[in-house]
Amino acid sequence: MKPPEHYNNVTPWNIDGAMRYWMVTRMIADLYSPDLKIAEIGSGSAGITEFLDHPVTGVDTAFDRTAERANPQLTPVVGSATELPFEDGSYDAVLCLEMMEHLPNDLRAPAVREMLRVTKPGGRMVITFPADETATRLDIRLNNAYRKKKGIDHPWAVEHIEHGVPKTEEIRALVQEQLAPGDTLEVRKHSWAPTWLFQQMVFSVDRGYPFTRAIGLHTTPTAKLLFRILRYCNFGDCYRSIVVVSKAP
């Protein structure tokens, strides 16, 4: 059974999230059933439910920051990634997208431990994060362009620059340390650097606006077209890494 996805709501403002969630959904598709139990850590008020018609438990510390995106499919639970308020093995799929870079280094291992704890035997944990020198370089370019265009720092790129993005090998190693016998770990790359920077410059920075809008580039139809193309560009030098753990049955 295929997951009930929908991407008719892709816009210039959520294209990057759409591509991330599209890839993550591919990674849990073989587990999918109508009763699949999904938890998303650091979900905000919508998380994957923005593109997946399926009930999800979302854990966050401040849902009010994304209240305008609230989705009835997501059940909000106020909590910390390092102390999840769930029993062991509560969820078939545990997702964590672009949250690890916001945790101090000393809290990343406890967060991974908690996410693995609440993942059922035979279930899967998926973590994504901007990674390594590639993400640092691209975040700096994005922030500089945003500041030049709008006079202020980019709202999240500047945080990545100040705090430092995770290193893929460090995250892989701390996950590996916490695996049980029979668990498997896979690391994938996501979002080829030139395509990531292109869509950020067009839709986040508004580079070339209003000319880009005049030629139809800075529009929702173009965002949808780019989503259909760019979601497959996950090769070479990429912006983010994806860590996938399949727990032994």
Protein backbone atom coordinates (compact mmCIF):
# COMPACT_ATOMS: atom_id res chain seq x y z
CA MET A 1 0.00 0.00 0.00
CA LYS A 2 1.35 3.42 -0.97
CA PRO A 3 1.48 6.24 1.58
CA PRO A 4 -1.34 8.78 0.96
CA GLU A 5 0.88 11.67 -0.09
CA HIS A 6 -0.17 14.92 -1.74
CA TYR A 7 2.03 17.67 -3.14
CA ASN A 8 -0.57 19.84 -4.85
CA ASN A 9 0.07 22.38 -2.07
CA VAL A 10 3.75 22.99 -2.95
CA THR A 11 4.53 26.72 -3.09
CA PRO A 12 7.67 28.91 -3.18
CA TRP A 13 7.48 28.96 0.63
CA ASN A 14 7.45 25.22 1.33
CA ILE A 15 9.28 23.65 -1.62
CA ASP A 16 12.36 22.77 0.42
CA GLY A 17 10.24 21.07 3.08
CA ALA A 18 8.27 19.25 0.40
CA MET A 19 11.44 17.79 -1.06
CA ARG A 20 12.66 16.69 2.36
CA TYR A 21 9.37 15.05 3.30
CA TRP A 22 9.06 13.42 -0.11
CA MET A 23 12.44 11.73 0.40
CA VAL A 24 11.67 10.70 3.98
CA THR A 25 8.35 9.20 2.93
CA ARG A 26 10.25 7.05 0.42
CA MET A 27 12.27 5.71 3.36
CA ILE A 28 9.24 4.50 5.31
CA ALA A 29 7.04 3.57 2.34
CA ASP A 30 7.71 -0.17 2.67
CA LEU A 31 6.38 -0.05 6.24
CA TYR A 32 3.22 1.81 5.36
CA SER A 33 -0.20 0.60 6.42
CA PRO A 34 -3.31 2.54 7.56
CA ASP A 35 -2.45 1.80 11.18
CA LEU A 36 1.23 2.78 10.98
CA LYS A 37 2.15 4.75 14.10
CA ILE A 38 4.36 7.74 13.28
CA ALA A 39 6.03 10.18 15.65
CA GLU A 40 7.85 13.27 14.45
CA ILE A 41 10.29 14.92 16.83
CA GLY A 42 10.60 18.67 16.33
CA SER A 43 7.53 18.66 14.11
CA GLY A 44 6.11 22.11 14.62
CA SER A 45 2.35 22.29 14.12
CA ALA A 46 2.22 20.31 10.87
CA GLY A 47 5.41 18.40 10.12
CA ILE A 48 4.95 15.61 7.64
CA THR A 49 1.16 15.96 7.76
CA GLU A 50 1.54 18.95 5.44
CA PHE A 51 2.16 16.39 2.70
CA LEU A 52 0.95 13.07 4.14
CA ASP A 53 -2.69 12.32 4.95
CA HIS A 54 -2.02 10.14 7.98
CA PRO A 55 -2.25 10.65 11.76
CA VAL A 56 1.05 11.67 13.34
CA THR A 57 2.13 12.43 16.88
CA GLY A 58 4.24 15.57 16.85
CA VAL A 59 6.64 16.48 19.64
CA ASP A 60 7.89 20.04 20.01
CA THR A 61 8.72 22.55 22.71
CA ALA A 62 6.87 25.51 21.17
CA PHE A 63 3.97 24.80 18.83
CA ASP A 64 2.88 28.44 18.96
CA ARG A 65 5.74 29.42 16.64
CA THR A 66 4.10 27.53 13.77
CA ALA A 67 0.45 27.76 14.84
CA GLU A 68 -0.63 29.14 11.46
CA ARG A 69 0.34 25.82 9.85
CA ALA A 70 -1.55 23.58 12.29
CA ASN A 71 -2.92 20.39 10.74
CA PRO A 72 -5.68 18.27 12.32
CA GLN A 73 -3.80 15.10 11.40
CA LEU A 74 -1.02 16.04 13.82
CA THR A 75 -1.55 15.47 17.54
CA PRO A 76 0.75 17.92 19.35
CA VAL A 77 2.66 16.77 22.42
CA VAL A 78 4.80 19.29 24.25
CA GLY A 79 8.05 17.60 25.13
CA SER A 80 11.81 17.42 24.78
CA ALA A 81 13.72 15.24 22.33
CA THR A 82 15.90 14.07 25.22
CA GLU A 83 12.94 12.98 27.38
CA LEU A 84 10.19 11.72 25.11
CA PRO A 85 6.93 11.11 27.00
CA PHE A 86 6.27 7.71 25.40
CA GLU A 87 6.65 4.06 26.34
CA ASP A 88 9.38 1.94 24.84
CA GLY A 89 8.61 0.77 21.31
CA SER A 90 5.57 3.02 20.89
CA TYR A 91 6.01 3.94 17.21
CA ASP A 92 6.65 2.15 13.93
CA ALA A 93 8.37 5.19 12.43
CA VAL A 94 10.17 7.96 14.28
CA LEU A 95 11.14 10.99 12.20
CA CYS A 96 13.34 13.95 13.03
CA LEU A 97 13.88 16.51 10.27
CA GLU A 98 16.28 19.44 10.60
CA MET A 99 16.27 19.44 14.39
CA MET A 100 19.64 17.95 15.34
CA GLU A 101 21.51 21.10 14.29
CA HIS A 102 19.51 23.04 16.91
CA LEU A 103 20.65 20.78 19.75
CA PRO A 104 23.92 21.34 21.61
CA ASN A 105 26.48 18.60 20.93
CA ASP A 106 26.05 17.04 24.36
CA LEU A 107 22.29 16.56 23.82
CA ARG A 108 22.47 14.86 20.43
CA ALA A 109 23.34 11.40 21.75
CA PRO A 110 20.56 11.45 24.41
CA ALA A 111 18.07 12.55 21.72
CA VAL A 112 19.09 9.69 19.45
CA ARG A 113 18.86 7.27 22.37
CA GLU A 114 15.31 8.43 23.13
CA MET A 115 14.20 8.20 19.50
CA LEU A 116 15.57 4.69 19.21
CA ARG A 117 13.94 3.74 22.50
CA VAL A 118 10.45 4.65 21.30
CA THR A 119 10.92 2.97 17.88
CA LYS A 120 9.29 -0.46 17.74
CA PRO A 121 11.28 -3.59 16.91
CA GLY A 122 11.06 -3.86 13.13
CA GLY A 123 10.42 -0.11 12.92
CA ARG A 124 12.52 2.70 11.50
CA MET A 125 14.08 5.95 12.65
CA VAL A 126 14.91 8.66 10.09
CA ILE A 127 16.98 11.75 10.94
CA THR A 128 17.85 14.54 8.49
CA PHE A 129 20.18 17.49 9.06
CA PRO A 130 22.25 20.06 7.13
CA ALA A 131 25.71 18.56 7.17
CA ASP A 132 29.40 19.19 6.95
CA GLU A 133 31.32 21.94 5.18
CA THR A 134 28.91 21.90 2.25
CA ALA A 135 25.98 23.05 4.39
CA THR A 136 28.18 25.60 6.17
CA ARG A 137 29.34 27.06 2.86
CA LEU A 138 25.82 27.20 1.43
CA ASP A 139 24.31 28.67 4.60
CA ILE A 140 26.91 31.45 4.55
CA ARG A 141 26.13 32.24 0.91
CA LEU A 142 22.41 32.20 1.60
CA ASN A 143 22.70 34.44 4.66
CA ASN A 144 24.95 36.94 2.89
CA ALA A 145 22.56 37.17 -0.05
CA TYR A 146 19.53 37.50 2.25
CA ARG A 147 21.18 40.23 4.30
CA LYS A 148 22.21 42.13 1.15
CA LYS A 149 18.67 41.92 -0.25
CA LYS A 150 16.60 42.46 2.92
CA GLY A 151 18.96 44.11 5.38
CA ILE A 152 18.68 41.39 8.04
CA ASP A 153 20.09 37.92 8.63
CA HIS A 154 18.27 34.90 7.25
CA PRO A 155 16.04 33.55 10.07
CA TRP A 156 17.51 30.02 10.23
CA ALA A 157 20.68 30.10 8.14
CA VAL A 158 22.30 32.48 10.62
CA GLU A 159 21.55 30.04 13.47
CA HIS A 160 23.29 27.26 11.55
CA ILE A 161 26.32 29.50 11.04
CA GLU A 162 26.47 30.58 14.67
CA HIS A 163 25.94 27.13 16.20
CA GLY A 164 27.64 25.02 13.53
CA VAL A 165 25.95 22.26 11.56
CA PRO A 166 26.46 18.59 12.46
CA LYS A 167 29.15 16.48 10.86
CA THR A 168 27.80 13.40 9.15
CA GLU A 169 30.43 11.06 10.55
CA GLU A 170 29.89 12.32 14.10
CA ILE A 171 26.13 11.71 13.90
CA ARG A 172 26.66 8.33 12.22
CA ALA A 173 29.10 7.32 14.96
CA LEU A 174 26.88 8.34 17.87
CA VAL A 175 23.93 6.50 16.29
CA GLN A 176 26.07 3.42 15.65
CA GLU A 177 27.11 3.34 19.31
CA GLN A 178 23.49 2.98 20.39
CA LEU A 179 22.34 0.27 18.00
CA ALA A 180 21.34 -3.16 19.21
CA PRO A 181 22.43 -6.41 17.51
CA GLY A 182 20.58 -6.81 14.23
CA ASP A 183 19.82 -3.11 13.79
CA THR A 184 21.05 -1.62 10.52
CA LEU A 185 22.21 1.89 9.72
CA GLU A 186 22.32 3.67 6.38
CA VAL A 187 23.50 7.18 5.52
CA ARG A 188 22.22 8.97 2.43
CA LYS A 189 22.80 12.42 0.97
CA HIS A 190 20.03 14.80 0.01
CA SER A 191 19.70 17.92 -2.14
CA TRP A 192 22.54 18.52 -4.59
CA ALA A 193 24.29 21.76 -3.60
CA PRO A 194 23.64 23.78 -6.82
CA THR A 195 19.93 22.93 -6.89
CA TRP A 196 19.50 23.63 -3.17
CA LEU A 197 21.16 27.03 -3.52
CA PHE A 198 19.18 27.85 -6.66
CA GLN A 199 15.78 27.29 -5.10
CA GLN A 200 16.79 29.13 -1.93
CA MET A 201 18.03 32.15 -3.87
CA VAL A 202 14.88 32.30 -5.99
CA PHE A 203 12.26 31.61 -3.34
CA SER A 204 13.90 32.60 -0.04
CA VAL A 205 16.06 35.55 -1.08
CA ASP A 206 13.83 36.70 -3.98
CA ARG A 207 16.94 37.20 -6.06
CA GLY A 208 16.07 38.82 -9.36
CA TYR A 209 12.61 39.88 -8.18
CA PRO A 210 10.48 41.37 -9.79
CA PHE A 211 12.11 40.19 -13.03
CA THR A 212 11.87 36.56 -11.91
CA ARG A 213 8.16 36.98 -11.32
CA ALA A 214 7.68 38.71 -14.66
CA ILE A 215 9.13 35.69 -16.46
CA GLY A 216 7.13 33.26 -14.31
CA LEU A 217 10.04 31.95 -12.24
CA HIS A 218 8.95 33.26 -8.85
CA THR A 219 5.51 31.66 -8.88
CA THR A 220 3.69 28.69 -7.38
CA PRO A 221 3.41 26.83 -10.73
CA THR A 222 7.18 27.10 -11.15
CA ALA A 223 7.73 25.90 -7.58
CA LYS A 224 5.60 22.83 -8.32
CA LEU A 225 7.53 22.16 -11.53
CA LEU A 226 10.87 22.53 -9.77
CA PHE A 227 9.69 20.22 -7.00
CA ARG A 228 8.94 17.50 -9.55
CA ILE A 229 12.44 17.86 -11.01
CA LEU A 230 14.71 18.78 -8.11
CA ARG A 231 13.48 16.10 -5.70
CA TYR A 232 15.53 13.59 -7.70
CA CYS A 233 18.75 15.63 -7.52
CA ASN A 234 20.37 13.83 -4.58
CA PHE A 235 23.89 13.13 -5.78
CA GLY A 236 27.38 14.53 -5.56
CA ASP A 237 27.96 17.40 -3.15
CA CYS A 238 24.73 17.64 -1.12
CA TYR A 239 23.38 20.06 1.47
CA ARG A 240 22.06 17.55 3.99
CA SER A 241 22.55 14.02 5.25
CA ILE A 242 19.91 11.46 6.15
CA VAL A 243 20.53 8.75 8.73
CA VAL A 244 18.18 5.76 8.57
CA VAL A 245 18.04 3.07 11.23
CA SER A 246 15.99 -0.10 10.74
CA LYS A 247 15.53 -1.87 14.06
CA ALA A 248 15.70 -5.62 14.23
CA PRO A 249 12.31 -7.36 14.62
